[in-house]
């Protein structure tokens, strides 16, 4: 019934117990020492008394410290993490007051604060939604117009990175999957004439002139007619302006797909600094997962499915998903099939790891890789790099270790546990599929970003340093 007392009274009782225990220990030690005075060696008796009472006091203090660590320190830490999740990660289920039951009224007060915070956030979201409805409608109208244009349209940053593309542009510039948000145009076209035209207009700050440029796409050297026009930058954006690029094939072709993919925030972003100093929410990520024939890549196990999503500027790009079965070149054990549901017949006509690895490497160009227990998944790619003909030397973040940065090493850090903690639902039919786990890891990672920022982990370098402090977790997993 100790948890029914007030917190101040419990703290008083703990320290009263320490004081009482110390007095008992000293008294007992002196009594035992007094009993040894009959031997005639008073010094030995008092040394014995002091040693005995000292060990008893040490044991008592250790016991009280363990009680405080378990029921106060850990409880406060758990409560703080629960509040942080609700403040920054849009977690809505109630705070678990049972974990802090010995902290008096603190847990109910925290639950009340987070409930009010949720109500305030909902009210604010409604107000912001009303105020931005017109802007959203205008953006939708613009997207519709650009999507239906027969010409290819790109909006690009001053650094020649893609912030918007429509289906026609994707069809003109390469095979499916080549054109992606935040990808450099230099990977898709001969950039020199485009860069020269942009530099000329930017130097003159000429926002009225449209410059014609002849381009060759790298994919098949298809000649393109391009028109470049500068966009006026908004306040606080990068010094050099971005631009609109309109593309048309020099020869007629099939009707282009009707679609548009964009992130207009890229147009107003400042150029990234060195990777370690780059804020986490300004990086481009590929969050991926693999399904395999087993858990031992160094003993012949292989990948049988790869799936990934892309995150740009803290938002998942719905239209940019990688998902492929892989022929592992060996039989898939029944024990593995029982986990992920992939059979030998399903992968019989799938690409092998070399072909699939090349496609995945291209999908990951310029991105930070993120996975749950990343060393396991990356091992399958590292060992096949020579055959694939590409180095997987991307920066890597791991959601297991990021969870440890947020919650410490005492909690559970499985994908299911983290998802439950952050209010991310994983449907049973999606669990242990590469795409389902990749999407779940993406949702978890996006909820972690504001929580990490709230804890002072704002840049990629700070995240890496935090993960290094908890690296032993992955050794235990692997």
Protein backbone atom coordinates (compact mmCIF):
# COMPACT_ATOMS: atom_id res chain seq x y z
CA UNK A 1 0.00 0.00 0.00
CA UNK A 2 3.09 2.26 -0.16
CA UNK A 3 1.96 3.82 -3.45
CA UNK A 4 -1.17 5.23 -1.74
CA UNK A 5 0.97 7.59 0.39
CA UNK A 6 1.97 11.03 -0.86
CA UNK A 7 5.28 11.34 -2.69
CA UNK A 8 6.79 13.63 -0.07
CA UNK A 9 5.84 11.23 2.72
CA UNK A 10 7.36 8.28 0.83
CA UNK A 11 10.61 10.21 0.28
CA UNK A 12 10.68 11.07 4.00
CA UNK A 13 10.08 7.43 4.95
CA UNK A 14 12.87 6.26 2.67
CA UNK A 15 15.42 8.57 4.22
CA UNK A 16 14.09 7.93 7.73
CA UNK A 17 14.66 4.25 7.00
CA UNK A 18 18.24 5.00 5.90
CA UNK A 19 18.87 6.99 9.09
CA UNK A 20 17.29 4.32 11.28
CA UNK A 21 19.21 1.59 9.52
CA UNK A 22 22.46 3.49 9.94
CA UNK A 23 21.82 3.92 13.67
CA UNK A 24 20.98 0.24 14.01
CA UNK A 25 24.10 -0.72 12.07
CA UNK A 26 26.36 1.48 14.20
CA UNK A 27 24.70 0.32 17.41
CA UNK A 28 24.93 -3.31 16.39
CA UNK A 29 28.54 -2.93 15.39
CA UNK A 30 29.41 -1.29 18.71
CA UNK A 31 27.55 -4.00 20.60
CA UNK A 32 29.48 -6.70 18.76
CA UNK A 33 32.72 -4.80 19.34
CA UNK A 34 31.93 -4.39 23.00
CA UNK A 35 31.50 -8.12 23.24
CA UNK A 36 35.06 -8.59 21.97
CA UNK A 37 36.57 -6.37 24.68
CA UNK A 38 36.89 -9.49 26.84
CA UNK A 39 39.79 -10.50 24.61
CA UNK A 40 41.78 -7.53 25.93
CA UNK A 41 42.43 -5.98 22.50
CA UNK A 42 40.27 -2.84 22.44
CA UNK A 43 41.63 -1.68 19.07
CA UNK A 44 40.63 -4.95 17.41
CA UNK A 45 37.17 -4.71 18.95
CA UNK A 46 36.51 -1.21 17.62
CA UNK A 47 37.93 -2.03 14.18
CA UNK A 48 35.57 -4.98 14.04
CA UNK A 49 32.66 -2.78 15.18
CA UNK A 50 33.39 -0.10 12.57
CA UNK A 51 33.86 -2.60 9.75
CA UNK A 52 30.65 -4.43 10.60
CA UNK A 53 28.56 -1.27 10.82
CA UNK A 54 30.18 0.10 7.65
CA UNK A 55 29.22 -2.96 5.60
CA UNK A 56 25.68 -2.89 6.96
CA UNK A 57 25.31 0.84 6.10
CA UNK A 58 26.73 0.21 2.62
CA UNK A 59 24.27 -2.61 2.03
CA UNK A 60 21.37 -0.51 3.31
CA UNK A 61 22.28 2.47 1.12
CA UNK A 62 22.67 0.19 -1.91
CA UNK A 63 19.25 -1.32 -1.31
CA UNK A 64 17.62 2.10 -0.99
CA UNK A 65 19.44 3.29 -4.13
CA UNK A 66 18.12 0.31 -6.07
CA UNK A 67 14.60 1.11 -4.90
CA UNK A 68 14.98 4.73 -5.97
CA UNK A 69 16.51 3.76 -9.31
CA UNK A 70 13.70 1.36 -10.14
CA UNK A 71 10.73 3.27 -8.77
CA UNK A 72 11.84 6.90 -9.16
CA UNK A 73 14.65 7.39 -11.68
CA UNK A 74 13.46 4.84 -14.24
CA UNK A 75 9.85 5.80 -13.69
CA UNK A 76 10.60 9.49 -14.28
CA UNK A 77 12.56 8.59 -17.41
CA UNK A 78 9.72 6.44 -18.75
CA UNK A 79 7.19 9.15 -17.98
CA UNK A 80 9.34 11.79 -19.70
CA UNK A 81 9.65 9.62 -22.81
CA UNK A 82 5.89 9.03 -22.86
CA UNK A 83 5.28 12.79 -22.66
CA UNK A 84 7.90 13.50 -25.32
CA UNK A 85 6.29 11.00 -27.68
CA UNK A 86 2.94 12.73 -27.30
CA UNK A 87 4.44 16.19 -27.65
CA UNK A 88 6.48 15.51 -30.78
CA UNK A 89 5.39 12.28 -32.46
CA UNK A 90 1.58 12.56 -32.56
CA UNK A 91 1.09 9.59 -30.24
CA UNK A 92 -2.48 9.75 -28.97
CA UNK A 93 -3.06 6.82 -26.60
CA UNK A 94 -3.10 7.62 -22.88
CA UNK A 95 0.01 7.83 -20.72
CA UNK A 96 0.72 4.59 -18.83
CA UNK A 97 0.36 5.80 -15.23
CA UNK A 98 1.09 2.32 -13.81
CA UNK A 99 4.78 2.66 -14.67
CA UNK A 100 4.98 5.72 -12.39
CA UNK A 101 2.60 4.56 -9.66
CA UNK A 102 5.10 5.40 -6.88
CA UNK A 103 5.50 9.01 -8.02
CA UNK A 104 2.36 10.27 -6.36
CA UNK A 105 0.26 12.65 -8.43
CA UNK A 106 2.92 13.17 -11.08
CA UNK A 107 1.64 10.48 -13.49
CA UNK A 108 -2.01 11.63 -13.41
CA UNK A 109 -0.83 15.24 -13.82
CA UNK A 110 1.30 14.23 -16.81
CA UNK A 111 -1.65 12.38 -18.31
CA UNK A 112 -3.82 15.48 -17.90
CA UNK A 113 -1.19 17.71 -19.49
CA UNK A 114 -0.73 15.42 -22.49
CA UNK A 115 -4.51 15.09 -22.91
CA UNK A 116 -4.85 18.87 -22.95
CA UNK A 117 -1.92 19.10 -25.34
CA UNK A 118 -3.63 16.67 -27.70
CA UNK A 119 -6.83 18.72 -27.56
CA UNK A 120 -4.90 21.93 -28.25
CA UNK A 121 -3.03 20.35 -31.14
CA UNK A 122 -6.30 19.13 -32.63
CA UNK A 123 -7.85 22.57 -32.31
CA UNK A 124 -4.80 24.22 -33.82
CA UNK A 125 -4.73 21.69 -36.64
CA UNK A 126 -8.34 22.52 -37.45
CA UNK A 127 -7.58 26.25 -37.48
CA UNK A 128 -4.50 25.82 -39.63
CA UNK A 129 -6.46 23.52 -41.94
CA UNK A 130 -9.09 26.16 -42.47
CA UNK A 131 -6.52 28.87 -43.12
CA UNK A 132 -4.54 26.78 -45.57
CA UNK A 133 -7.49 25.30 -47.46
CA UNK A 134 -7.24 27.94 -50.18
CA UNK A 135 -3.50 27.40 -50.58
CA UNK A 136 -4.03 23.64 -50.78
CA UNK A 137 -6.69 24.13 -53.43
CA UNK A 138 -4.36 26.34 -55.46
CA UNK A 139 -1.57 23.79 -55.18
CA UNK A 140 -3.90 21.01 -56.26
CA UNK A 141 -5.01 23.04 -59.25
CA UNK A 142 -1.37 23.70 -60.19
CA UNK A 143 -0.53 20.02 -59.79
CA UNK A 144 -3.48 19.07 -62.03
CA UNK A 145 -2.44 21.50 -64.75
CA UNK A 146 1.20 20.40 -64.71
CA UNK A 147 0.26 16.72 -64.55
CA UNK A 148 -1.86 16.93 -67.68
CA UNK A 149 0.65 18.87 -69.76
CA UNK A 150 2.02 16.94 -72.72
CA UNK A 151 5.39 18.63 -72.16
CA UNK A 152 7.69 17.43 -69.41
CA UNK A 153 7.94 19.89 -66.52
CA UNK A 154 10.59 19.97 -63.81
CA UNK A 155 11.04 22.42 -60.96
CA UNK A 156 14.68 22.39 -59.87
CA UNK A 157 16.80 23.94 -57.15
CA UNK A 158 19.80 26.14 -57.90
CA UNK A 159 21.91 23.05 -57.31
CA UNK A 160 20.04 21.27 -60.15
CA UNK A 161 18.14 18.90 -57.88
CA UNK A 162 14.55 17.89 -58.68
CA UNK A 163 11.74 19.35 -56.54
CA UNK A 164 8.84 18.54 -58.91
CA UNK A 165 8.34 16.35 -61.96
CA UNK A 166 5.36 15.22 -63.98
CA UNK A 167 4.84 11.96 -65.85
CA UNK A 168 5.93 13.45 -69.17
CA UNK A 169 9.30 14.50 -67.69
CA UNK A 170 9.86 11.06 -66.23
CA UNK A 171 9.10 9.42 -69.58
CA UNK A 172 11.52 11.73 -71.39
CA UNK A 173 14.40 11.44 -68.96
CA UNK A 174 14.76 7.71 -68.43
CA UNK A 175 13.44 4.33 -67.43
CA UNK A 176 10.88 4.04 -64.58
CA UNK A 177 12.52 4.79 -61.26
CA UNK A 178 15.28 6.99 -62.70
CA UNK A 179 13.56 10.31 -61.98
CA UNK A 180 13.11 10.98 -58.25
CA UNK A 181 12.70 13.92 -55.91
CA UNK A 182 15.98 15.48 -54.76
CA UNK A 183 17.95 13.63 -57.44
CA UNK A 184 20.57 15.61 -59.33
CA UNK A 185 19.79 16.36 -62.98
CA UNK A 186 23.45 15.64 -63.67
CA UNK A 187 22.59 11.94 -63.25
CA UNK A 188 19.98 12.19 -66.01
CA UNK A 189 21.20 14.70 -68.61
CA UNK A 190 24.41 16.33 -69.78
CA UNK A 191 24.34 19.17 -67.29
CA UNK A 192 26.92 21.58 -68.77
CA UNK A 193 24.66 23.55 -71.18
CA UNK A 194 21.87 23.67 -68.59
CA UNK A 195 24.22 24.89 -65.85
CA UNK A 196 25.66 27.56 -68.15
CA UNK A 197 22.20 28.88 -69.08
CA UNK A 198 21.11 28.92 -65.43
CA UNK A 199 24.27 30.70 -64.30
CA UNK A 200 23.84 33.36 -66.98
CA UNK A 201 20.25 34.14 -65.95
CA UNK A 202 21.04 33.96 -62.23
CA UNK A 203 24.01 36.31 -62.57
CA UNK A 204 21.79 38.87 -64.29
CA UNK A 205 18.88 38.15 -61.92
CA UNK A 206 16.73 37.87 -65.03
CA UNK A 207 13.36 36.37 -64.08
CA UNK A 208 11.57 37.34 -67.31
CA UNK A 209 13.66 35.61 -70.00
CA UNK A 210 13.14 32.01 -71.12
CA UNK A 211 16.30 30.39 -72.47
CA UNK A 212 16.21 27.51 -74.96
CA UNK A 213 18.71 24.71 -74.25
CA UNK A 214 19.49 21.52 -76.19
CA UNK A 215 19.99 18.54 -73.89
CA UNK A 216 20.95 14.91 -74.26
CA UNK A 217 19.45 12.43 -71.78
CA UNK A 218 22.03 10.01 -70.41
CA UNK A 219 19.67 7.04 -70.55
CA UNK A 220 19.61 6.64 -74.32
CA UNK A 221 21.16 9.88 -75.64
CA UNK A 222 17.68 11.01 -76.69
CA UNK A 223 17.85 14.65 -77.87
CA UNK A 224 15.62 16.98 -75.88
CA UNK A 225 14.44 20.54 -76.38
CA UNK A 226 14.42 22.39 -73.06
CA UNK A 227 13.23 25.82 -71.98
CA UNK A 228 14.65 27.27 -68.75
CA UNK A 229 13.12 30.09 -66.74
CA UNK A 230 14.21 31.35 -63.31
CA UNK A 231 11.85 31.41 -60.33
CA UNK A 232 12.02 34.28 -57.88
CA UNK A 233 13.22 32.92 -54.51
CA UNK A 234 11.18 33.58 -51.38
CA UNK A 235 12.59 35.30 -48.34
CA UNK A 236 14.96 33.06 -46.40
CA UNK A 237 15.62 30.73 -49.31
CA UNK A 238 18.95 29.98 -50.94
CA UNK A 239 20.70 32.94 -52.61
CA UNK A 240 20.68 31.48 -56.11
CA UNK A 241 17.17 31.00 -57.54
CA UNK A 242 15.70 27.71 -58.70
CA UNK A 243 14.15 27.30 -62.11
CA UNK A 244 11.38 25.78 -64.21
CA UNK A 245 12.53 23.43 -66.95
CA UNK A 246 10.11 22.49 -69.73
CA UNK A 247 11.11 19.48 -71.82
CA UNK A 248 9.99 18.24 -75.20
CA UNK A 249 11.41 15.36 -77.22
CA UNK A 250 13.01 16.30 -80.52
CA UNK A 251 10.94 13.48 -82.01
CA UNK A 252 7.38 12.47 -81.26
CA UNK A 253 6.72 9.59 -78.90
CA UNK A 254 3.98 7.80 -77.00
CA UNK A 255 1.64 9.75 -74.75
CA UNK A 256 3.34 10.41 -71.40
CA UNK A 257 1.93 9.24 -68.05
CA UNK A 258 -0.43 11.68 -66.32
CA UNK A 259 1.09 12.27 -62.91
CA UNK A 260 2.96 14.83 -60.84
CA UNK A 261 5.33 14.31 -57.92
CA UNK A 262 6.65 17.25 -55.91
CA UNK A 263 8.08 18.71 -52.74
CA UNK A 264 8.08 22.48 -53.10
CA UNK A 265 10.04 22.88 -49.85
CA UNK A 266 13.12 21.77 -51.77
CA UNK A 267 12.96 24.98 -53.79
CA UNK A 268 13.36 27.13 -50.70
CA UNK A 269 15.94 25.08 -48.84
CA UNK A 270 19.40 26.37 -48.14
CA UNK A 271 22.27 24.30 -49.55
CA UNK A 272 23.29 21.44 -47.25
CA UNK A 273 26.48 21.79 -45.25
CA UNK A 274 28.79 18.88 -44.48
CA UNK A 275 26.78 15.74 -43.75
CA UNK A 276 27.57 15.65 -40.03
CA UNK A 277 26.25 19.19 -39.63
CA UNK A 278 23.13 18.68 -41.75
CA UNK A 279 19.83 18.70 -39.79
CA UNK A 280 18.16 15.29 -39.79
CA UNK A 281 14.91 16.66 -41.21
CA UNK A 282 16.71 18.09 -44.27
CA UNK A 283 18.25 14.83 -45.48
CA UNK A 284 16.94 12.44 -48.10
CA UNK A 285 16.45 8.90 -46.80
CA UNK A 286 15.82 5.46 -48.24
CA UNK A 287 14.21 3.31 -45.54
CA UNK A 288 14.44 -0.33 -46.51
CA UNK A 289 13.97 -3.91 -45.40
CA UNK A 290 14.90 -7.32 -46.78
CA UNK A 291 13.48 -10.81 -46.49
CA UNK A 292 16.02 -13.61 -46.64
CA UNK A 293 16.45 -17.36 -46.77
CA UNK A 294 17.93 -17.30 -43.28
CA UNK A 295 19.85 -15.29 -40.72
CA UNK A 296 23.44 -16.16 -41.70
CA UNK A 297 24.68 -14.21 -44.74
CA UNK A 298 28.25 -15.41 -44.14
CA UNK A 299 27.06 -19.03 -44.41
CA UNK A 300 25.19 -18.85 -47.68
CA UNK A 301 21.85 -17.26 -46.85
CA UNK A 302 20.58 -14.85 -49.52
CA UNK A 303 18.03 -12.09 -50.07
CA UNK A 304 14.66 -13.07 -51.55
CA UNK A 305 12.89 -9.68 -51.34
CA UNK A 306 13.93 -6.02 -51.13
CA UNK A 307 11.57 -3.11 -50.47
CA UNK A 308 12.14 0.55 -49.67
CA UNK A 309 10.48 3.94 -49.41
CA UNK A 310 11.97 7.40 -49.90
CA UNK A 311 11.70 10.29 -47.46
CA UNK A 312 12.48 13.84 -48.62
CA UNK A 313 12.41 16.84 -46.25
CA UNK A 314 10.79 14.79 -43.50
CA UNK A 315 7.95 13.48 -45.70
CA UNK A 316 7.46 10.10 -47.34
CA UNK A 317 7.15 10.32 -51.13
CA UNK A 318 4.18 8.09 -51.88
CA UNK A 319 5.04 7.61 -55.57
CA UNK A 320 8.64 6.53 -55.02
CA UNK A 321 8.69 2.95 -53.75
CA UNK A 322 11.09 0.09 -54.46
CA UNK A 323 9.71 -3.44 -54.15
CA UNK A 324 11.02 -6.57 -55.83
CA UNK A 325 11.28 -10.28 -55.23
CA UNK A 326 14.79 -11.67 -55.67
CA UNK A 327 15.82 -15.11 -56.90
CA UNK A 328 18.26 -16.17 -54.17
CA UNK A 329 19.91 -18.84 -56.32
CA UNK A 330 19.19 -21.44 -53.66
CA UNK A 331 16.18 -23.15 -52.14
CA UNK A 332 14.16 -21.15 -49.58
CA UNK A 333 13.82 -23.25 -46.41
CA UNK A 334 10.32 -23.95 -45.16
CA UNK A 335 11.23 -22.30 -41.86
CA UNK A 336 11.90 -19.03 -43.72
CA UNK A 337 8.75 -19.33 -45.84
CA UNK A 338 6.71 -19.76 -42.67
CA UNK A 339 7.98 -16.33 -41.54
CA UNK A 340 7.72 -14.19 -44.69
CA UNK A 341 5.50 -16.31 -46.96
CA UNK A 342 7.86 -16.27 -49.96
CA UNK A 343 8.10 -19.62 -51.78
CA UNK A 344 10.51 -20.99 -54.37
CA UNK A 345 7.83 -20.73 -57.07
CA UNK A 346 7.31 -17.03 -56.33
CA UNK A 347 10.98 -16.17 -57.00
CA UNK A 348 11.59 -18.53 -59.91
CA UNK A 349 11.33 -15.74 -62.52
CA UNK A 350 12.54 -12.89 -60.28
CA UNK A 351 15.83 -11.04 -60.94
CA UNK A 352 18.90 -12.34 -59.16
CA UNK A 353 20.72 -10.39 -56.45
CA UNK A 354 23.12 -8.80 -58.93
CA UNK A 355 20.34 -7.28 -61.07
CA UNK A 356 18.14 -6.40 -58.11
CA UNK A 357 21.13 -4.97 -56.21
CA UNK A 358 21.99 -2.65 -59.12
CA UNK A 359 18.44 -1.35 -59.28
CA UNK A 360 18.35 -0.84 -55.52
CA UNK A 361 21.71 0.94 -55.56
CA UNK A 362 20.38 3.36 -58.16
CA UNK A 363 17.24 3.92 -56.06
CA UNK A 364 19.47 4.83 -53.09
CA UNK A 365 21.58 7.40 -54.97
CA UNK A 366 22.36 10.40 -52.78
CA UNK A 367 20.35 9.12 -49.81
CA UNK A 368 21.02 8.08 -46.23
CA UNK A 369 20.00 4.45 -45.68
CA UNK A 370 17.78 3.61 -42.70
CA UNK A 371 16.86 0.13 -41.49
CA UNK A 372 15.85 -1.70 -38.33
CA UNK A 373 18.97 -3.64 -37.28
CA UNK A 374 20.79 -2.25 -40.32
CA UNK A 375 24.01 -4.32 -39.99
CA UNK A 376 22.03 -7.50 -40.71
CA UNK A 377 20.43 -6.17 -43.92
CA UNK A 378 23.57 -4.36 -45.11
CA UNK A 379 25.66 -7.53 -44.75
CA UNK A 380 23.82 -9.11 -47.69
CA UNK A 381 24.68 -6.15 -49.93
CA UNK A 382 28.27 -5.71 -48.74
CA UNK A 383 29.22 -9.31 -49.57
CA UNK A 384 27.89 -8.97 -53.15
CA UNK A 385 29.31 -5.53 -53.98
CA UNK A 386 31.91 -6.81 -56.44
CA UNK A 387 29.33 -8.77 -58.42
CA UNK A 388 26.85 -5.90 -58.36
CA UNK A 389 29.56 -3.51 -59.49
CA UNK A 390 28.64 -0.76 -57.01
CA UNK A 391 29.74 0.20 -53.53
CA UNK A 392 27.11 0.48 -50.81
CA UNK A 393 29.04 3.19 -49.02
CA UNK A 394 25.98 5.26 -48.08
CA UNK A 395 25.62 6.81 -44.62
CA UNK A 396 23.44 4.54 -42.46
CA UNK A 397 21.07 5.10 -39.54
CA UNK A 398 19.54 2.33 -37.44
CA UNK A 399 16.14 2.59 -35.75
CA UNK A 400 17.18 0.11 -33.04
CA UNK A 401 19.93 2.45 -31.89
CA UNK A 402 17.86 5.60 -32.37
CA UNK A 403 15.24 4.01 -30.11
CA UNK A 404 17.97 3.43 -27.52
CA UNK A 405 18.97 7.10 -27.81
CA UNK A 406 15.37 8.07 -27.00
CA UNK A 407 14.41 5.40 -24.48
CA UNK A 408 17.67 4.08 -23.05
CA UNK A 409 18.88 0.49 -23.16
CA UNK A 410 16.49 -0.94 -20.59
CA UNK A 411 13.41 -1.04 -22.79
CA UNK A 412 12.60 -3.40 -25.65
CA UNK A 413 13.70 -2.21 -29.09
CA UNK A 414 12.05 -4.65 -31.48
CA UNK A 415 10.13 -3.11 -34.39
CA UNK A 416 6.84 -4.24 -32.86
CA UNK A 417 7.69 -2.73 -29.46
CA UNK A 418 8.79 0.61 -30.91
CA UNK A 419 5.77 0.78 -33.21
CA UNK A 420 3.42 0.11 -30.28
CA UNK A 421 5.22 2.74 -28.19
CA UNK A 422 4.82 5.36 -30.92
CA UNK A 423 1.29 4.45 -31.97
CA UNK A 424 2.28 2.97 -35.35
CA UNK A 425 0.00 0.12 -36.41
CA UNK A 426 1.43 -2.77 -38.44
CA UNK A 427 -1.25 -4.93 -40.02
CA UNK A 428 -0.74 -8.65 -39.42
CA UNK A 429 -0.68 -9.36 -43.15
CA UNK A 430 2.09 -6.77 -43.67
CA UNK A 431 4.37 -7.87 -40.84
CA UNK A 432 7.44 -9.78 -42.03
CA UNK A 433 6.98 -8.64 -45.61
CA UNK A 434 9.76 -6.43 -46.89
CA UNK A 435 7.43 -3.62 -47.98
CA UNK A 436 5.23 -3.82 -44.89
CA UNK A 437 8.23 -3.65 -42.56
CA UNK A 438 9.85 -0.89 -44.64
CA UNK A 439 6.67 1.22 -44.41
CA UNK A 440 6.40 0.55 -40.65
CA UNK A 441 10.06 1.48 -40.15
CA UNK A 442 9.44 4.65 -42.16
CA UNK A 443 6.49 5.64 -39.98
CA UNK A 444 8.51 4.90 -36.83
CA UNK A 445 11.51 6.86 -38.11
CA UNK A 446 9.41 9.92 -39.03
CA UNK A 447 7.93 9.96 -35.50
CA UNK A 448 11.43 9.67 -34.04
CA UNK A 449 12.81 12.74 -35.87
CA UNK A 450 10.97 15.42 -33.82
CA UNK A 451 11.57 13.45 -30.63
CA UNK A 452 15.31 13.33 -31.33
CA UNK A 453 15.29 17.07 -32.00
CA UNK A 454 13.56 17.65 -28.66
CA UNK A 455 16.39 15.75 -26.97
CA UNK A 456 19.04 17.89 -28.66
CA UNK A 457 19.87 15.38 -31.41
CA UNK A 458 19.35 17.64 -34.41
CA UNK A 459 22.10 16.80 -36.91
CA UNK A 460 23.25 13.62 -38.61
CA UNK A 461 26.54 13.75 -36.70
CA UNK A 462 24.77 13.98 -33.36
CA UNK A 463 22.59 11.00 -34.31
CA UNK A 464 25.64 8.94 -35.24
CA UNK A 465 27.39 9.85 -31.97
CA UNK A 466 24.27 8.86 -30.03
CA UNK A 467 24.06 5.51 -31.85
CA UNK A 468 27.72 4.75 -31.13
CA UNK A 469 27.04 5.03 -27.42
CA UNK A 470 24.52 2.17 -27.71
CA UNK A 471 26.27 0.02 -30.31
CA UNK A 472 26.39 -2.97 -27.98
CA UNK A 473 22.65 -3.48 -28.53
CA UNK A 474 23.26 -4.57 -32.12
CA UNK A 475 26.02 -6.94 -31.06
CA UNK A 476 23.52 -8.62 -28.76
CA UNK A 477 20.96 -8.82 -31.62
CA UNK A 478 23.42 -10.18 -34.16
